[in-house]
Amino acid sequence: MEFYPATLSSDESNELADKISAKIHANGWGFWAVELKISSQFIGFVGLNNPTYQLPVTSCTEIGWRLAKPYWGMGYATEAGQAALDFGFSQLNLSTIHAFASAANIRSIRVMHRLGMTNTEQNFEHPLIPEHHPLREHVLYKINNPGA
């Protein structure tokens, strides 16, 4: 939660997990749990989502990830992100998938690059982050379906 305005409480975290689960049940896809193969330990989530708030692109599907800090820099976000992109393009037949992150979140931006995404140069003020907050400016990346 380094690049979010606040850490979630246990109740907020459980509420988020319930929302993610409900979206998966409704759509058949969403943000999926990521666990270590060796131990089945939950380390975060990666997947696809259709944001319901105003973005510079309308009606988009985003790819996103949130992993526990001890697992940053180990390639898990990139590996799971590639699987999510493959699913979005091959199973959902999406033409484009977007990603966004705080402009200060260099690690997530590097993942976007490793996934082959390109910067749209359409930075925006994230509508869910308070005005004047240092994390409000976000970058917007995209990747087009290579099979389209």
C-alpha atoms as a PDB file:
ATOM      1  CA  MET A   1       0.000   0.000   0.000  1.00  0.00           C
ATOM      2  CA  GLU A   2       3.043   2.264  -0.357  1.00  0.00           C
ATOM      3  CA  PHE A   3       1.474   4.062  -3.318  1.00  0.00           C
ATOM      4  CA  TYR A   4      -2.019   4.377  -1.875  1.00  0.00           C
ATOM      5  CA  PRO A   5      -3.174   7.241   0.358  1.00  0.00           C
ATOM      6  CA  ALA A   6      -3.657   4.947   3.373  1.00  0.00           C
ATOM      7  CA  THR A   7      -3.249   1.383   4.527  1.00  0.00           C
ATOM      8  CA  LEU A   8      -6.502  -0.560   4.686  1.00  0.00           C
ATOM      9  CA  SER A   9      -7.872  -1.669   8.026  1.00  0.00           C
ATOM     10  CA  SER A  10      -8.762  -5.352   8.426  1.00  0.00           C
ATOM     11  CA  ASP A  11     -12.425  -4.527   7.809  1.00  0.00           C
ATOM     12  CA  GLU A  12     -11.577  -2.491   4.693  1.00  0.00           C
ATOM     13  CA  SER A  13      -9.307  -5.248   3.423  1.00  0.00           C
ATOM     14  CA  ASN A  14     -12.053  -7.841   3.922  1.00  0.00           C
ATOM     15  CA  GLU A  15     -14.540  -5.550   2.157  1.00  0.00           C
ATOM     16  CA  LEU A  16     -12.152  -5.225  -0.805  1.00  0.00           C
ATOM     17  CA  ALA A  17     -11.708  -9.013  -0.934  1.00  0.00           C
ATOM     18  CA  ASP A  18     -15.497  -9.432  -0.934  1.00  0.00           C
ATOM     19  CA  LYS A  19     -15.855  -6.936  -3.823  1.00  0.00           C
ATOM     20  CA  ILE A  20     -13.125  -8.697  -5.813  1.00  0.00           C
ATOM     21  CA  SER A  21     -14.754 -12.075  -5.187  1.00  0.00           C
ATOM     22  CA  ALA A  22     -18.183 -10.763  -6.219  1.00  0.00           C
ATOM     23  CA  LYS A  23     -16.757  -9.387  -9.490  1.00  0.00           C
ATOM     24  CA  ILE A  24     -15.112 -12.741 -10.254  1.00  0.00           C
ATOM     25  CA  HIS A  25     -18.378 -14.563  -9.601  1.00  0.00           C
ATOM     26  CA  ALA A  26     -20.323 -12.096 -11.752  1.00  0.00           C
ATOM     27  CA  ASN A  27     -17.862 -11.915 -14.667  1.00  0.00           C
ATOM     28  CA  GLY A  28     -15.855 -15.133 -14.448  1.00  0.00           C
ATOM     29  CA  TRP A  29     -12.658 -13.069 -14.169  1.00  0.00           C
ATOM     30  CA  GLY A  30     -11.136 -10.214 -12.168  1.00  0.00           C
ATOM     31  CA  PHE A  31      -8.288  -9.734  -9.749  1.00  0.00           C
ATOM     32  CA  TRP A  32      -7.083 -13.247  -8.919  1.00  0.00           C
ATOM     33  CA  ALA A  33      -5.233 -14.339  -5.799  1.00  0.00           C
ATOM     34  CA  VAL A  34      -1.522 -14.962  -6.255  1.00  0.00           C
ATOM     35  CA  GLU A  35       0.081 -17.615  -4.124  1.00  0.00           C
ATOM     36  CA  LEU A  36       3.497 -19.208  -3.940  1.00  0.00           C
ATOM     37  CA  LYS A  37       3.544 -22.618  -5.622  1.00  0.00           C
ATOM     38  CA  ILE A  38       5.872 -24.087  -3.015  1.00  0.00           C
ATOM     39  CA  SER A  39       3.735 -23.182   0.016  1.00  0.00           C
ATOM     40  CA  SER A  40       0.347 -21.985  -1.307  1.00  0.00           C
ATOM     41  CA  GLN A  41       0.942 -18.798   0.704  1.00  0.00           C
ATOM     42  CA  PHE A  42      -1.216 -15.871  -0.439  1.00  0.00           C
ATOM     43  CA  ILE A  43       1.038 -12.979  -1.530  1.00  0.00           C
ATOM     44  CA  GLY A  44      -1.383 -10.606  -3.253  1.00  0.00           C
ATOM     45  CA  PHE A  45      -3.520 -10.308  -6.343  1.00  0.00           C
ATOM     46  CA  VAL A  46      -3.109  -9.673 -10.069  1.00  0.00           C
ATOM     47  CA  GLY A  47      -5.716  -9.501 -12.782  1.00  0.00           C
ATOM     48  CA  LEU A  48      -8.194  -7.528 -14.789  1.00  0.00           C
ATOM     49  CA  ASN A  49     -10.906  -5.072 -13.818  1.00  0.00           C
ATOM     50  CA  ASN A  50     -13.340  -2.647 -15.407  1.00  0.00           C
ATOM     51  CA  PRO A  51     -13.037   0.574 -13.385  1.00  0.00           C
ATOM     52  CA  THR A  52     -16.324   2.257 -12.574  1.00  0.00           C
ATOM     53  CA  TYR A  53     -14.926   5.759 -12.106  1.00  0.00           C
ATOM     54  CA  GLN A  54     -13.936   8.445 -14.623  1.00  0.00           C
ATOM     55  CA  LEU A  55     -10.609   7.920 -16.399  1.00  0.00           C
ATOM     56  CA  PRO A  56      -9.045   9.565 -19.476  1.00  0.00           C
ATOM     57  CA  VAL A  57     -10.224   6.498 -21.412  1.00  0.00           C
ATOM     58  CA  THR A  58     -13.850   5.472 -21.235  1.00  0.00           C
ATOM     59  CA  SER A  59     -15.035   1.944 -20.663  1.00  0.00           C
ATOM     60  CA  CYS A  60     -11.599   0.386 -20.329  1.00  0.00           C
ATOM     61  CA  THR A  61     -10.299  -2.849 -18.893  1.00  0.00           C
ATOM     62  CA  GLU A  62      -7.304  -2.391 -16.644  1.00  0.00           C
ATOM     63  CA  ILE A  63      -4.624  -4.786 -15.530  1.00  0.00           C
ATOM     64  CA  GLY A  64      -3.505  -4.331 -11.952  1.00  0.00           C
ATOM     65  CA  TRP A  65      -1.434  -5.928  -9.236  1.00  0.00           C
ATOM     66  CA  ARG A  66      -0.886  -5.587  -5.536  1.00  0.00           C
ATOM     67  CA  LEU A  67       1.657  -7.833  -3.872  1.00  0.00           C
ATOM     68  CA  ALA A  68       2.995  -7.991  -0.333  1.00  0.00           C
ATOM     69  CA  LYS A  69       6.255  -6.052  -0.002  1.00  0.00           C
ATOM     70  CA  PRO A  70       8.497  -9.098   0.662  1.00  0.00           C
ATOM     71  CA  TYR A  71       7.597 -10.327  -2.852  1.00  0.00           C
ATOM     72  CA  TRP A  72       8.394  -7.138  -4.765  1.00  0.00           C
ATOM     73  CA  GLY A  73      11.161  -7.386  -7.345  1.00  0.00           C
ATOM     74  CA  MET A  74      10.915 -11.169  -7.707  1.00  0.00           C
ATOM     75  CA  GLY A  75       9.089 -11.235 -11.048  1.00  0.00           C
ATOM     76  CA  TYR A  76       5.727 -12.352  -9.667  1.00  0.00           C
ATOM     77  CA  ALA A  77       3.818  -9.263 -10.876  1.00  0.00           C
ATOM     78  CA  THR A  78       5.290  -9.617 -14.360  1.00  0.00           C
ATOM     79  CA  GLU A  79       4.642 -13.374 -14.565  1.00  0.00           C
ATOM     80  CA  ALA A  80       1.070 -13.109 -13.320  1.00  0.00           C
ATOM     81  CA  GLY A  81       0.518  -9.927 -15.335  1.00  0.00           C
ATOM     82  CA  GLN A  82       1.502 -11.702 -18.534  1.00  0.00           C
ATOM     83  CA  ALA A  83      -0.975 -14.483 -17.733  1.00  0.00           C
ATOM     84  CA  ALA A  84      -3.698 -11.870 -17.133  1.00  0.00           C
ATOM     85  CA  LEU A  85      -2.916 -10.147 -20.448  1.00  0.00           C
ATOM     86  CA  ASP A  86      -2.990 -13.500 -22.252  1.00  0.00           C
ATOM     87  CA  PHE A  87      -6.380 -14.240 -20.690  1.00  0.00           C
ATOM     88  CA  GLY A  88      -7.747 -10.817 -21.594  1.00  0.00           C
ATOM     89  CA  PHE A  89      -6.660 -11.085 -25.208  1.00  0.00           C
ATOM     90  CA  SER A  90      -7.339 -14.773 -25.881  1.00  0.00           C
ATOM     91  CA  GLN A  91     -10.406 -15.452 -23.712  1.00  0.00           C
ATOM     92  CA  LEU A  92     -12.092 -12.047 -23.496  1.00  0.00           C
ATOM     93  CA  ASN A  93     -11.023 -10.905 -26.977  1.00  0.00           C
ATOM     94  CA  LEU A  94     -10.120  -7.460 -25.670  1.00  0.00           C
ATOM     95  CA  SER A  95      -8.528  -5.127 -28.188  1.00  0.00           C
ATOM     96  CA  THR A  96      -6.677  -3.006 -25.609  1.00  0.00           C
ATOM     97  CA  ILE A  97      -5.797  -3.305 -21.930  1.00  0.00           C
ATOM     98  CA  HIS A  98      -4.761  -0.310 -19.833  1.00  0.00           C
ATOM     99  CA  ALA A  99      -2.727   0.066 -16.651  1.00  0.00           C
ATOM    100  CA  PHE A 100      -2.255   3.042 -14.396  1.00  0.00           C
ATOM    101  CA  ALA A 101      -0.237   3.837 -11.316  1.00  0.00           C
ATOM    102  CA  SER A 102       0.928   6.784  -9.311  1.00  0.00           C
ATOM    103  CA  ALA A 103       3.584   8.643 -11.281  1.00  0.00           C
ATOM    104  CA  ALA A 104       5.891   8.027  -8.292  1.00  0.00           C
ATOM    105  CA  ASN A 105       5.427   4.241  -8.446  1.00  0.00           C
ATOM    106  CA  ILE A 106       8.529   3.403 -10.476  1.00  0.00           C
ATOM    107  CA  ARG A 107       8.326  -0.341  -9.698  1.00  0.00           C
ATOM    108  CA  SER A 108       4.827  -0.666 -11.186  1.00  0.00           C
ATOM    109  CA  ILE A 109       5.843   1.419 -14.177  1.00  0.00           C
ATOM    110  CA  ARG A 110       8.752  -0.977 -14.741  1.00  0.00           C
ATOM    111  CA  VAL A 111       6.308  -3.905 -14.680  1.00  0.00           C
ATOM    112  CA  MET A 112       4.227  -2.132 -17.326  1.00  0.00           C
ATOM    113  CA  HIS A 113       7.329  -1.811 -19.497  1.00  0.00           C
ATOM    114  CA  ARG A 114       8.262  -5.477 -18.979  1.00  0.00           C
ATOM    115  CA  LEU A 115       4.738  -6.418 -20.075  1.00  0.00           C
ATOM    116  CA  GLY A 116       5.262  -4.505 -23.326  1.00  0.00           C
ATOM    117  CA  MET A 117       2.898  -1.679 -22.432  1.00  0.00           C
ATOM    118  CA  THR A 118       3.433   1.841 -23.751  1.00  0.00           C
ATOM    119  CA  ASN A 119       2.934   5.173 -22.052  1.00  0.00           C
ATOM    120  CA  THR A 120      -0.070   7.014 -23.515  1.00  0.00           C
ATOM    121  CA  GLU A 121       1.379  10.323 -22.241  1.00  0.00           C
ATOM    122  CA  GLN A 122      -2.081  11.007 -20.758  1.00  0.00           C
ATOM    123  CA  ASN A 123      -1.210  11.517 -17.099  1.00  0.00           C
ATOM    124  CA  PHE A 124      -4.286  12.250 -15.019  1.00  0.00           C
ATOM    125  CA  GLU A 125      -5.433  13.139 -11.541  1.00  0.00           C
ATOM    126  CA  HIS A 126      -6.895   9.951 -10.022  1.00  0.00           C
ATOM    127  CA  PRO A 127     -10.486  10.759  -9.006  1.00  0.00           C
ATOM    128  CA  LEU A 128     -10.394   8.536  -5.892  1.00  0.00           C
ATOM    129  CA  ILE A 129      -7.332  10.260  -4.388  1.00  0.00           C
ATOM    130  CA  PRO A 130      -7.830  13.567  -2.579  1.00  0.00           C
ATOM    131  CA  GLU A 131      -6.874  16.787  -4.353  1.00  0.00           C
ATOM    132  CA  HIS A 132      -3.315  17.977  -3.707  1.00  0.00           C
ATOM    133  CA  HIS A 133      -2.265  14.521  -2.448  1.00  0.00           C
ATOM    134  CA  PRO A 134       1.263  13.679  -3.675  1.00  0.00           C
ATOM    135  CA  LEU A 135       0.047  10.360  -5.152  1.00  0.00           C
ATOM    136  CA  ARG A 136      -2.852  11.823  -7.130  1.00  0.00           C
ATOM    137  CA  GLU A 137      -0.984  12.153 -10.451  1.00  0.00           C
ATOM    138  CA  HIS A 138      -1.146   8.863 -12.352  1.00  0.00           C
ATOM    139  CA  VAL A 139       0.452   7.601 -15.539  1.00  0.00           C
ATOM    140  CA  LEU A 140      -1.663   5.725 -18.082  1.00  0.00           C
ATOM    141  CA  TYR A 141      -0.205   2.835 -20.096  1.00  0.00           C
ATOM    142  CA  LYS A 142      -1.782   0.518 -22.654  1.00  0.00           C
ATOM    143  CA  ILE A 143      -1.129  -2.545 -24.743  1.00  0.00           C
ATOM    144  CA  ASN A 144      -3.003  -3.645 -27.833  1.00  0.00           C
ATOM    145  CA  ASN A 145      -4.006  -7.208 -28.598  1.00  0.00           C
ATOM    146  CA  PRO A 146      -1.144  -8.627 -30.679  1.00  0.00           C
ATOM    147  CA  GLY A 147      -3.573 -10.995 -32.419  1.00  0.00           C
ATOM    148  CA  ALA A 148      -5.983  -8.280 -33.535  1.00  0.00           C
END
